[in-house]
Each structure stands twice: as structure tokens, then as C-alpha cells.
Amino acid sequence: MQFIRHYLLAVQFFTRIPVTGKLAEWVGFSPAMLRASAAHFPGVGWLVGASSAVVLWGLVWALPEVSASSWVAAVLCTVFGVMLTGAFHEDGLADTADGLGGSLDRERALDIMKDSRVGTYGALALVLIVLLKVGLLAMLLQLVPLPAAAAAGFGAHVVSRFLPLFIIRSLPHVGDTQQSKSKPLANQIGNNSLLAAAVWAGLALALLYALVPGMPWWAGVLGAMVALGYMLRLLKRRLAGFTGDGLGATQQLCEVAFYFGLVVALPLAHA
């Protein structure tokens, strides 16, 4: 039962899927529970990724068979993902870009990240990340069969929600922890939680290899790991720790890097 409650709490925290009323009362909430729910972040990726894959599949099936259809499907699938998650991670990316781009001073950067307004760096980061998502999804739809492209979306959502846990594991939480939404995550993630998250991610990758064995899934994971390494180094160097916004930014970069790794490796896989 605790497994289900922690999973539903993660769904409630990271998506717009309603967990309300009697169900919310049964799930409950405490900082300790939210910290335990970190084990199920990749499980939220299962839900968001599978839903997005179904939407992408349905859109391609419904649209006429013309070259522009892949772009329209990629755009609408991205819109669906944003609506499902409430742009939670995109907001973190924008705040992180504004803070790190707006000042070289650590304390000033943290203050900027707490400002709800979006600045130039944040707006540019959002535009670029959405363009990359749409462009890479459209490329995948043109390069591989529809089932493989839909599976790629599923894999990207799961892996990109697993890897940021290593930032929680490696760095201290910084900033105004009394006001931060990520305060319950300030303590390092435990071994059991990290193992449970790894099981979620491992099962997803096993499913991908079973359903679409010809895809270079290893390249998607490698791309996402490179993005993780970049963000880990950046947050350590600039902030000497992580914030909730930094975790959101890491998820976004890992998702795009997963697609990028696949696209780059496809010619090698089919050679």
C-alpha cells in the first residue's frame, strides 16, 4: 500500500492528473512521504511517456500522409505533454536559465531563480528546448516506423526523470529551503529509493529492447547521461548545489539529449 501511496503522491506532485477528494485523503502528505516518492519519479515518466506515445500514435494515424504531418504530430504531442505536467519542468528550465545567465554571482543567481517573472534567458531557453523537442520528434517520425518513434517518446520521459535523482544524490540542496517546493528533497536520496527508481528505468529499457530491438536505445541513454554530466558540473560549479528548478532543467535537457542520441546513432544502427 505504501508503494501505491508514494506513487500517487509523485503523480500528484509532478502532473496535473487529479488526485483529489477521498483518494487524496487516503494518499496523505508529509515531507517524508514526498521524499520517499522520489523513488517513483521514473514511474511518473511511465505514465507521461505512455500517454504521450499513445497521443503521438493517434495523431499520426489520423493525419493525412504528407510530410508536414510529422511536424504537426510532434507539435501537438509536445502540447499534450506540457498540459499533462503543467509545464512543471519547463518552468524550472526557464528559472535556471534566467538565474545562471543573469548573474555570475551565486547569491544573485539564486535570487533571480526565485523570481516568478521570465527573463530573456528563460524565454530563449524555453523556445530552444521546445524547438528541439519538436524537431527531433519529427525527425524520428521520418526516420523510423511509428511504433519506434512512439517508443522513443516513452523512453525519453522515463530516463529523463530517473537521471536527475543522481543530482539529488551528489549535491546538497541550496537556496531558500523554507520556501522551496523541493525542500522535502533536500536530503540525499537513499539507496533503497535509488534502487526502486532504477528498477522503474530498467524495466522501461527492457521493454523498449523487447518491443523495438533494432533501435539504438543505448545511444539515447548515453545522450541523456551526457546531459546529466553537464548539468551536474554546471550546478556544482555555479551554485555549489541543486535547486528544484535545477532538477527541472536537468529533466528537460536529458529528455532532448535522449532524442538527439537516437537520431545521431540511427545511421550507425542501420549501416
C-alpha atoms as a PDB file:
ATOM      1  CA  MET A   1       0.000   0.000   0.000  1.00  0.00           C
ATOM      2  CA  GLN A   2       2.802   2.427   0.814  1.00  0.00           C
ATOM      3  CA  PHE A   3       4.195   1.813  -2.679  1.00  0.00           C
ATOM      4  CA  ILE A   4       0.897   2.925  -4.243  1.00  0.00           C
ATOM      5  CA  ARG A   5       0.533   5.927  -1.942  1.00  0.00           C
ATOM      6  CA  HIS A   6       4.058   7.137  -2.692  1.00  0.00           C
ATOM      7  CA  TYR A   7       3.500   6.651  -6.421  1.00  0.00           C
ATOM      8  CA  LEU A   8       0.213   8.575  -6.392  1.00  0.00           C
ATOM      9  CA  LEU A   9       1.881  11.361  -4.411  1.00  0.00           C
ATOM     10  CA  ALA A  10       4.564  11.629  -7.106  1.00  0.00           C
ATOM     11  CA  VAL A  11       1.814  11.753  -9.761  1.00  0.00           C
ATOM     12  CA  GLN A  12       0.018  14.453  -7.786  1.00  0.00           C
ATOM     13  CA  PHE A  13       3.190  16.498  -7.368  1.00  0.00           C
ATOM     14  CA  PHE A  14       4.558  16.258 -10.914  1.00  0.00           C
ATOM     15  CA  THR A  15       1.462  16.167 -13.128  1.00  0.00           C
ATOM     16  CA  ARG A  16      -1.931  17.778 -13.496  1.00  0.00           C
ATOM     17  CA  ILE A  17      -3.662  14.418 -13.191  1.00  0.00           C
ATOM     18  CA  PRO A  18      -6.194  14.932 -10.378  1.00  0.00           C
ATOM     19  CA  VAL A  19      -5.525  13.037  -7.189  1.00  0.00           C
ATOM     20  CA  THR A  20      -8.246  14.658  -5.118  1.00  0.00           C
ATOM     21  CA  GLY A  21     -11.061  14.014  -2.689  1.00  0.00           C
ATOM     22  CA  LYS A  22     -11.151  10.681  -0.875  1.00  0.00           C
ATOM     23  CA  LEU A  23      -8.189   9.426  -2.918  1.00  0.00           C
ATOM     24  CA  ALA A  24      -6.032  12.380  -1.840  1.00  0.00           C
ATOM     25  CA  GLU A  25      -7.067  11.834   1.791  1.00  0.00           C
ATOM     26  CA  TRP A  26      -6.042   8.194   1.533  1.00  0.00           C
ATOM     27  CA  VAL A  27      -2.711   9.066  -0.095  1.00  0.00           C
ATOM     28  CA  GLY A  28      -1.908  11.694   2.535  1.00  0.00           C
ATOM     29  CA  PHE A  29       1.103  14.003   2.575  1.00  0.00           C
ATOM     30  CA  SER A  30       4.193  14.667   4.609  1.00  0.00           C
ATOM     31  CA  PRO A  31       7.706  15.824   3.725  1.00  0.00           C
ATOM     32  CA  ALA A  32       8.941  12.301   4.467  1.00  0.00           C
ATOM     33  CA  MET A  33       6.372  10.831   2.065  1.00  0.00           C
ATOM     34  CA  LEU A  34       7.332  13.269  -0.681  1.00  0.00           C
ATOM     35  CA  ARG A  35      10.971  12.375  -0.146  1.00  0.00           C
ATOM     36  CA  ALA A  36      10.066   8.678  -0.445  1.00  0.00           C
ATOM     37  CA  SER A  37       8.065   9.410  -3.603  1.00  0.00           C
ATOM     38  CA  ALA A  38      11.318  10.352  -5.352  1.00  0.00           C
ATOM     39  CA  ALA A  39      11.756   6.624  -5.987  1.00  0.00           C
ATOM     40  CA  HIS A  40       8.768   6.828  -8.319  1.00  0.00           C
ATOM     41  CA  PHE A  41       9.808   9.797 -10.468  1.00  0.00           C
ATOM     42  CA  PRO A  42      10.635   7.419 -13.348  1.00  0.00           C
ATOM     43  CA  GLY A  43       7.251   5.816 -12.692  1.00  0.00           C
ATOM     44  CA  VAL A  44       5.668   9.178 -13.419  1.00  0.00           C
ATOM     45  CA  GLY A  45       7.717   9.059 -16.619  1.00  0.00           C
ATOM     46  CA  TRP A  46       5.985   5.755 -17.441  1.00  0.00           C
ATOM     47  CA  LEU A  47       2.606   7.472 -17.144  1.00  0.00           C
ATOM     48  CA  VAL A  48       3.526  10.647 -19.022  1.00  0.00           C
ATOM     49  CA  GLY A  49       5.588   8.780 -21.624  1.00  0.00           C
ATOM     50  CA  ALA A  50       2.980   6.115 -22.331  1.00  0.00           C
ATOM     51  CA  SER A  51       0.223   8.728 -22.618  1.00  0.00           C
ATOM     52  CA  SER A  52       2.340  10.852 -24.958  1.00  0.00           C
ATOM     53  CA  ALA A  53       3.194   7.801 -27.065  1.00  0.00           C
ATOM     54  CA  VAL A  54      -0.489   6.962 -27.473  1.00  0.00           C
ATOM     55  CA  VAL A  55      -1.274  10.554 -28.433  1.00  0.00           C
ATOM     56  CA  LEU A  56       1.571  10.637 -30.959  1.00  0.00           C
ATOM     57  CA  TRP A  57       0.428   7.329 -32.463  1.00  0.00           C
ATOM     58  CA  GLY A  58      -3.173   8.535 -32.716  1.00  0.00           C
ATOM     59  CA  LEU A  59      -2.187  11.828 -34.311  1.00  0.00           C
ATOM     60  CA  VAL A  60      -0.033  10.217 -36.993  1.00  0.00           C
ATOM     61  CA  TRP A  61      -2.780   7.699 -37.703  1.00  0.00           C
ATOM     62  CA  ALA A  62      -5.438  10.443 -38.000  1.00  0.00           C
ATOM     63  CA  LEU A  63      -3.460  12.975 -40.053  1.00  0.00           C
ATOM     64  CA  PRO A  64      -3.091  12.673 -43.825  1.00  0.00           C
ATOM     65  CA  GLU A  65       0.087  11.056 -45.143  1.00  0.00           C
ATOM     66  CA  VAL A  66       2.009  14.188 -46.083  1.00  0.00           C
ATOM     67  CA  SER A  67       5.427  15.390 -44.969  1.00  0.00           C
ATOM     68  CA  ALA A  68       4.024  18.132 -42.748  1.00  0.00           C
ATOM     69  CA  SER A  69       2.047  15.617 -40.686  1.00  0.00           C
ATOM     70  CA  SER A  70       5.095  14.540 -38.699  1.00  0.00           C
ATOM     71  CA  TRP A  71       5.690  18.144 -37.640  1.00  0.00           C
ATOM     72  CA  VAL A  72       2.058  18.718 -36.686  1.00  0.00           C
ATOM     73  CA  ALA A  73       2.004  15.464 -34.716  1.00  0.00           C
ATOM     74  CA  ALA A  74       5.245  16.390 -32.939  1.00  0.00           C
ATOM     75  CA  VAL A  75       3.898  19.829 -32.007  1.00  0.00           C
ATOM     76  CA  LEU A  76       0.568  18.532 -30.709  1.00  0.00           C
ATOM     77  CA  CYS A  77       2.259  15.705 -28.799  1.00  0.00           C
ATOM     78  CA  THR A  78       4.528  18.278 -27.136  1.00  0.00           C
ATOM     79  CA  VAL A  79       1.485  20.426 -26.285  1.00  0.00           C
ATOM     80  CA  PHE A  80      -0.158  17.390 -24.708  1.00  0.00           C
ATOM     81  CA  GLY A  81       2.925  16.691 -22.577  1.00  0.00           C
ATOM     82  CA  VAL A  82       3.046  20.294 -21.370  1.00  0.00           C
ATOM     83  CA  MET A  83      -0.644  20.222 -20.443  1.00  0.00           C
ATOM     84  CA  LEU A  84      -0.289  16.888 -18.654  1.00  0.00           C
ATOM     85  CA  THR A  85       2.616  18.074 -16.488  1.00  0.00           C
ATOM     86  CA  GLY A  86       1.603  21.711 -16.154  1.00  0.00           C
ATOM     87  CA  ALA A  87       4.948  22.777 -17.668  1.00  0.00           C
ATOM     88  CA  PHE A  88       6.481  21.907 -14.290  1.00  0.00           C
ATOM     89  CA  HIS A  89       9.917  21.063 -15.636  1.00  0.00           C
ATOM     90  CA  GLU A  90       9.870  23.745 -18.341  1.00  0.00           C
ATOM     91  CA  ASP A  91       9.313  26.319 -15.612  1.00  0.00           C
ATOM     92  CA  GLY A  92      12.401  25.020 -13.826  1.00  0.00           C
ATOM     93  CA  LEU A  93      14.425  25.290 -17.021  1.00  0.00           C
ATOM     94  CA  ALA A  94      13.361  28.906 -17.551  1.00  0.00           C
ATOM     95  CA  ASP A  95      14.171  29.914 -13.971  1.00  0.00           C
ATOM     96  CA  THR A  96      17.541  28.155 -14.103  1.00  0.00           C
ATOM     97  CA  ALA A  97      18.462  29.826 -17.384  1.00  0.00           C
ATOM     98  CA  ASP A  98      17.475  33.251 -16.029  1.00  0.00           C
ATOM     99  CA  GLY A  99      19.450  32.756 -12.821  1.00  0.00           C
ATOM    100  CA  LEU A 100      22.634  31.346 -14.289  1.00  0.00           C
ATOM    101  CA  GLY A 101      22.502  33.606 -17.331  1.00  0.00           C
ATOM    102  CA  GLY A 102      21.569  36.732 -15.400  1.00  0.00           C
ATOM    103  CA  SER A 103      24.435  36.819 -12.918  1.00  0.00           C
ATOM    104  CA  LEU A 104      27.795  35.206 -12.232  1.00  0.00           C
ATOM    105  CA  ASP A 105      27.318  35.826  -8.513  1.00  0.00           C
ATOM    106  CA  ARG A 106      25.918  32.741  -6.763  1.00  0.00           C
ATOM    107  CA  GLU A 107      23.580  34.522  -4.346  1.00  0.00           C
ATOM    108  CA  ARG A 108      22.268  36.873  -7.020  1.00  0.00           C
ATOM    109  CA  ALA A 109      21.662  33.923  -9.347  1.00  0.00           C
ATOM    110  CA  LEU A 110      19.651  32.152  -6.636  1.00  0.00           C
ATOM    111  CA  ASP A 111      17.592  35.309  -6.055  1.00  0.00           C
ATOM    112  CA  ILE A 112      16.833  35.595  -9.777  1.00  0.00           C
ATOM    113  CA  MET A 113      15.743  31.952  -9.893  1.00  0.00           C
ATOM    114  CA  LYS A 114      13.150  32.656  -7.180  1.00  0.00           C
ATOM    115  CA  ASP A 115      11.613  35.469  -9.255  1.00  0.00           C
ATOM    116  CA  SER A 116       8.408  34.220 -10.922  1.00  0.00           C
ATOM    117  CA  ARG A 117       8.916  36.508 -13.920  1.00  0.00           C
ATOM    118  CA  VAL A 118      10.544  35.091 -17.051  1.00  0.00           C
ATOM    119  CA  GLY A 119      13.524  36.993 -18.425  1.00  0.00           C
ATOM    120  CA  THR A 120      15.386  36.915 -21.700  1.00  0.00           C
ATOM    121  CA  TYR A 121      17.492  33.863 -20.885  1.00  0.00           C
ATOM    122  CA  GLY A 122      14.481  31.926 -19.650  1.00  0.00           C
ATOM    123  CA  ALA A 123      12.378  32.801 -22.691  1.00  0.00           C
ATOM    124  CA  LEU A 124      15.184  31.800 -25.055  1.00  0.00           C
ATOM    125  CA  ALA A 125      15.717  28.528 -23.191  1.00  0.00           C
ATOM    126  CA  LEU A 126      12.028  27.657 -23.465  1.00  0.00           C
ATOM    127  CA  VAL A 127      11.860  28.480 -27.168  1.00  0.00           C
ATOM    128  CA  LEU A 128      15.001  26.493 -27.943  1.00  0.00           C
ATOM    129  CA  ILE A 129      14.022  23.423 -25.895  1.00  0.00           C
ATOM    130  CA  VAL A 130      10.559  23.265 -27.484  1.00  0.00           C
ATOM    131  CA  LEU A 131      12.030  23.676 -30.968  1.00  0.00           C
ATOM    132  CA  LEU A 132      14.496  20.879 -30.269  1.00  0.00           C
ATOM    133  CA  LYS A 133      11.798  18.559 -28.929  1.00  0.00           C
ATOM    134  CA  VAL A 134       9.514  19.154 -31.896  1.00  0.00           C
ATOM    135  CA  GLY A 135      12.318  18.950 -34.450  1.00  0.00           C
ATOM    136  CA  LEU A 136      13.809  15.752 -33.059  1.00  0.00           C
ATOM    137  CA  LEU A 137      10.413  14.051 -32.699  1.00  0.00           C
ATOM    138  CA  ALA A 138       9.565  14.995 -36.271  1.00  0.00           C
ATOM    139  CA  MET A 139      12.912  13.595 -37.435  1.00  0.00           C
ATOM    140  CA  LEU A 140      12.268  10.327 -35.625  1.00  0.00           C
ATOM    141  CA  LEU A 141       8.839  10.053 -37.255  1.00  0.00           C
ATOM    142  CA  GLN A 142      10.505  10.463 -40.645  1.00  0.00           C
ATOM    143  CA  LEU A 143      13.440   8.135 -39.933  1.00  0.00           C
ATOM    144  CA  VAL A 144      11.836   5.157 -38.197  1.00  0.00           C
ATOM    145  CA  PRO A 145       8.450   3.401 -38.165  1.00  0.00           C
ATOM    146  CA  LEU A 146       5.750   4.936 -35.989  1.00  0.00           C
ATOM    147  CA  PRO A 147       5.996   2.301 -33.198  1.00  0.00           C
ATOM    148  CA  ALA A 148       9.705   3.039 -32.777  1.00  0.00           C
ATOM    149  CA  ALA A 149       9.139   6.820 -32.660  1.00  0.00           C
ATOM    150  CA  ALA A 150       6.361   6.433 -30.098  1.00  0.00           C
ATOM    151  CA  ALA A 151       8.578   4.126 -28.034  1.00  0.00           C
ATOM    152  CA  ALA A 152      11.332   6.757 -28.140  1.00  0.00           C
ATOM    153  CA  GLY A 153       8.991   9.279 -26.551  1.00  0.00           C
ATOM    154  CA  PHE A 154       8.163   6.803 -23.802  1.00  0.00           C
ATOM    155  CA  GLY A 155      11.834   6.051 -23.143  1.00  0.00           C
ATOM    156  CA  ALA A 156      12.834   9.706 -23.087  1.00  0.00           C
ATOM    157  CA  HIS A 157      10.244  10.557 -20.432  1.00  0.00           C
ATOM    158  CA  VAL A 158      11.282   7.681 -18.164  1.00  0.00           C
ATOM    159  CA  VAL A 159      15.065   8.076 -18.451  1.00  0.00           C
ATOM    160  CA  SER A 160      14.928  11.867 -18.098  1.00  0.00           C
ATOM    161  CA  ARG A 161      13.052  11.506 -14.808  1.00  0.00           C
ATOM    162  CA  PHE A 162      15.470   8.924 -13.470  1.00  0.00           C
ATOM    163  CA  LEU A 163      18.803  10.644 -14.079  1.00  0.00           C
ATOM    164  CA  PRO A 164      18.122  13.877 -12.072  1.00  0.00           C
ATOM    165  CA  LEU A 165      17.996  11.710  -8.956  1.00  0.00           C
ATOM    166  CA  PHE A 166      21.781  11.437  -9.214  1.00  0.00           C
ATOM    167  CA  ILE A 167      21.967  15.208  -8.744  1.00  0.00           C
ATOM    168  CA  ILE A 168      19.977  14.873  -5.508  1.00  0.00           C
ATOM    169  CA  ARG A 169      22.356  12.065  -4.574  1.00  0.00           C
ATOM    170  CA  SER A 170      25.514  14.039  -5.377  1.00  0.00           C
ATOM    171  CA  LEU A 171      24.835  17.652  -4.381  1.00  0.00           C
ATOM    172  CA  PRO A 172      23.355  19.487  -1.390  1.00  0.00           C
ATOM    173  CA  HIS A 173      20.150  21.473  -1.696  1.00  0.00           C
ATOM    174  CA  VAL A 174      20.793  25.217  -1.817  1.00  0.00           C
ATOM    175  CA  GLY A 175      18.676  28.357  -1.839  1.00  0.00           C
ATOM    176  CA  ASP A 176      15.744  29.304   0.333  1.00  0.00           C
ATOM    177  CA  THR A 177      14.825  25.837   1.601  1.00  0.00           C
ATOM    178  CA  GLN A 178      11.987  27.231   3.742  1.00  0.00           C
ATOM    179  CA  GLN A 179      10.110  28.446   0.671  1.00  0.00           C
ATOM    180  CA  SER A 180      11.306  25.934  -1.914  1.00  0.00           C
ATOM    181  CA  LYS A 181       8.916  23.331  -3.323  1.00  0.00           C
ATOM    182  CA  SER A 182      11.869  20.939  -3.418  1.00  0.00           C
ATOM    183  CA  LYS A 183      12.647  21.336   0.295  1.00  0.00           C
ATOM    184  CA  PRO A 184      11.491  17.759   1.089  1.00  0.00           C
ATOM    185  CA  LEU A 185      14.073  16.539  -1.422  1.00  0.00           C
ATOM    186  CA  ALA A 186      16.881  18.423   0.293  1.00  0.00           C
ATOM    187  CA  ASN A 187      18.197  15.303   1.971  1.00  0.00           C
ATOM    188  CA  GLN A 188      20.161  12.943  -0.217  1.00  0.00           C
ATOM    189  CA  ILE A 189      18.112  10.173  -1.767  1.00  0.00           C
ATOM    190  CA  GLY A 190      18.561   6.840  -0.020  1.00  0.00           C
ATOM    191  CA  ASN A 191      19.891   3.639  -1.505  1.00  0.00           C
ATOM    192  CA  ASN A 192      16.502   1.909  -1.445  1.00  0.00           C
ATOM    193  CA  SER A 193      14.785   4.799  -3.213  1.00  0.00           C
ATOM    194  CA  LEU A 194      17.504   4.982  -5.840  1.00  0.00           C
ATOM    195  CA  LEU A 195      17.259   1.227  -6.364  1.00  0.00           C
ATOM    196  CA  ALA A 196      13.482   1.413  -6.787  1.00  0.00           C
ATOM    197  CA  ALA A 197      13.892   4.227  -9.313  1.00  0.00           C
ATOM    198  CA  ALA A 198      16.496   2.180 -11.170  1.00  0.00           C
ATOM    199  CA  VAL A 199      14.012  -0.703 -11.360  1.00  0.00           C
ATOM    200  CA  TRP A 200      11.430   1.607 -12.964  1.00  0.00           C
ATOM    201  CA  ALA A 201      14.020   2.784 -15.511  1.00  0.00           C
ATOM    202  CA  GLY A 202      15.467  -0.680 -16.109  1.00  0.00           C
ATOM    203  CA  LEU A 203      12.053  -2.184 -16.786  1.00  0.00           C
ATOM    204  CA  ALA A 204      11.323   0.595 -19.269  1.00  0.00           C
ATOM    205  CA  LEU A 205      14.555  -0.029 -21.153  1.00  0.00           C
ATOM    206  CA  ALA A 206      13.938  -3.788 -21.144  1.00  0.00           C
ATOM    207  CA  LEU A 207      10.500  -3.151 -22.621  1.00  0.00           C
ATOM    208  CA  LEU A 208      11.979  -0.911 -25.310  1.00  0.00           C
ATOM    209  CA  TYR A 209      14.562  -3.512 -26.326  1.00  0.00           C
ATOM    210  CA  ALA A 210      11.858  -6.211 -26.373  1.00  0.00           C
ATOM    211  CA  LEU A 211       9.376  -4.230 -28.471  1.00  0.00           C
ATOM    212  CA  VAL A 212      11.799  -2.413 -30.823  1.00  0.00           C
ATOM    213  CA  PRO A 213      15.109  -4.309 -30.720  1.00  0.00           C
ATOM    214  CA  GLY A 214      16.550  -2.582 -33.777  1.00  0.00           C
ATOM    215  CA  MET A 215      16.708   0.880 -32.181  1.00  0.00           C
ATOM    216  CA  PRO A 216      19.982   2.112 -30.631  1.00  0.00           C
ATOM    217  CA  TRP A 217      18.458   2.696 -27.224  1.00  0.00           C
ATOM    218  CA  TRP A 218      21.935   2.716 -25.697  1.00  0.00           C
ATOM    219  CA  ALA A 219      22.633   5.927 -27.638  1.00  0.00           C
ATOM    220  CA  GLY A 220      19.577   7.635 -26.189  1.00  0.00           C
ATOM    221  CA  VAL A 221      20.680   6.709 -22.680  1.00  0.00           C
ATOM    222  CA  LEU A 222      24.221   7.843 -23.423  1.00  0.00           C
ATOM    223  CA  GLY A 223      22.978  11.196 -24.720  1.00  0.00           C
ATOM    224  CA  ALA A 224      20.880  11.697 -21.605  1.00  0.00           C
ATOM    225  CA  MET A 225      23.846  10.794 -19.390  1.00  0.00           C
ATOM    226  CA  VAL A 226      25.992  13.396 -21.137  1.00  0.00           C
ATOM    227  CA  ALA A 227      23.306  15.990 -20.409  1.00  0.00           C
ATOM    228  CA  LEU A 228      23.233  14.857 -16.780  1.00  0.00           C
ATOM    229  CA  GLY A 229      27.000  15.215 -16.520  1.00  0.00           C
ATOM    230  CA  TYR A 230      26.818  18.721 -17.966  1.00  0.00           C
ATOM    231  CA  MET A 231      24.105  19.819 -15.516  1.00  0.00           C
ATOM    232  CA  LEU A 232      25.838  18.188 -12.564  1.00  0.00           C
ATOM    233  CA  ARG A 233      29.056  20.047 -13.337  1.00  0.00           C
ATOM    234  CA  LEU A 234      27.214  23.325 -14.023  1.00  0.00           C
ATOM    235  CA  LEU A 235      25.169  23.279 -10.814  1.00  0.00           C
ATOM    236  CA  LYS A 236      28.178  22.274  -8.733  1.00  0.00           C
ATOM    237  CA  ARG A 237      30.367  24.997 -10.223  1.00  0.00           C
ATOM    238  CA  ARG A 238      27.824  27.832 -10.265  1.00  0.00           C
ATOM    239  CA  LEU A 239      25.598  27.089  -7.267  1.00  0.00           C
ATOM    240  CA  ALA A 240      27.557  24.528  -5.214  1.00  0.00           C
ATOM    241  CA  GLY A 241      24.335  22.520  -5.020  1.00  0.00           C
ATOM    242  CA  PHE A 242      20.943  21.978  -6.604  1.00  0.00           C
ATOM    243  CA  THR A 243      17.536  23.617  -6.531  1.00  0.00           C
ATOM    244  CA  GLY A 244      14.158  22.311  -7.651  1.00  0.00           C
ATOM    245  CA  ASP A 245      14.496  24.468 -10.744  1.00  0.00           C
ATOM    246  CA  GLY A 246      17.842  22.855 -11.498  1.00  0.00           C
ATOM    247  CA  LEU A 247      16.235  19.415 -11.340  1.00  0.00           C
ATOM    248  CA  GLY A 248      13.555  20.545 -13.783  1.00  0.00           C
ATOM    249  CA  ALA A 249      16.170  21.914 -16.144  1.00  0.00           C
ATOM    250  CA  THR A 250      18.087  18.629 -15.924  1.00  0.00           C
ATOM    251  CA  GLN A 251      14.968  16.653 -16.852  1.00  0.00           C
ATOM    252  CA  GLN A 252      14.369  18.820 -19.902  1.00  0.00           C
ATOM    253  CA  LEU A 253      17.946  18.565 -21.162  1.00  0.00           C
ATOM    254  CA  CYS A 254      18.075  14.807 -20.570  1.00  0.00           C
ATOM    255  CA  GLU A 255      14.827  14.322 -22.493  1.00  0.00           C
ATOM    256  CA  VAL A 256      16.079  16.246 -25.520  1.00  0.00           C
ATOM    257  CA  ALA A 257      19.502  14.579 -25.320  1.00  0.00           C
ATOM    258  CA  PHE A 258      17.820  11.156 -25.363  1.00  0.00           C
ATOM    259  CA  TYR A 259      16.162  12.004 -28.686  1.00  0.00           C
ATOM    260  CA  PHE A 260      19.374  13.506 -30.005  1.00  0.00           C
ATOM    261  CA  GLY A 261      21.395  10.421 -29.145  1.00  0.00           C
ATOM    262  CA  LEU A 262      18.919   8.224 -31.001  1.00  0.00           C
ATOM    263  CA  VAL A 263      18.894  10.418 -34.095  1.00  0.00           C
ATOM    264  CA  VAL A 264      22.683  10.573 -34.270  1.00  0.00           C
ATOM    265  CA  ALA A 265      23.111   6.815 -33.792  1.00  0.00           C
ATOM    266  CA  LEU A 266      20.378   5.669 -36.199  1.00  0.00           C
ATOM    267  CA  PRO A 267      22.615   5.726 -39.305  1.00  0.00           C
ATOM    268  CA  LEU A 268      25.152   3.561 -37.434  1.00  0.00           C
ATOM    269  CA  ALA A 269      22.475   1.112 -36.317  1.00  0.00           C
ATOM    270  CA  HIS A 270      21.134   0.726 -39.842  1.00  0.00           C
ATOM    271  CA  ALA A 271      24.511   0.589 -41.568  1.00  0.00           C
END
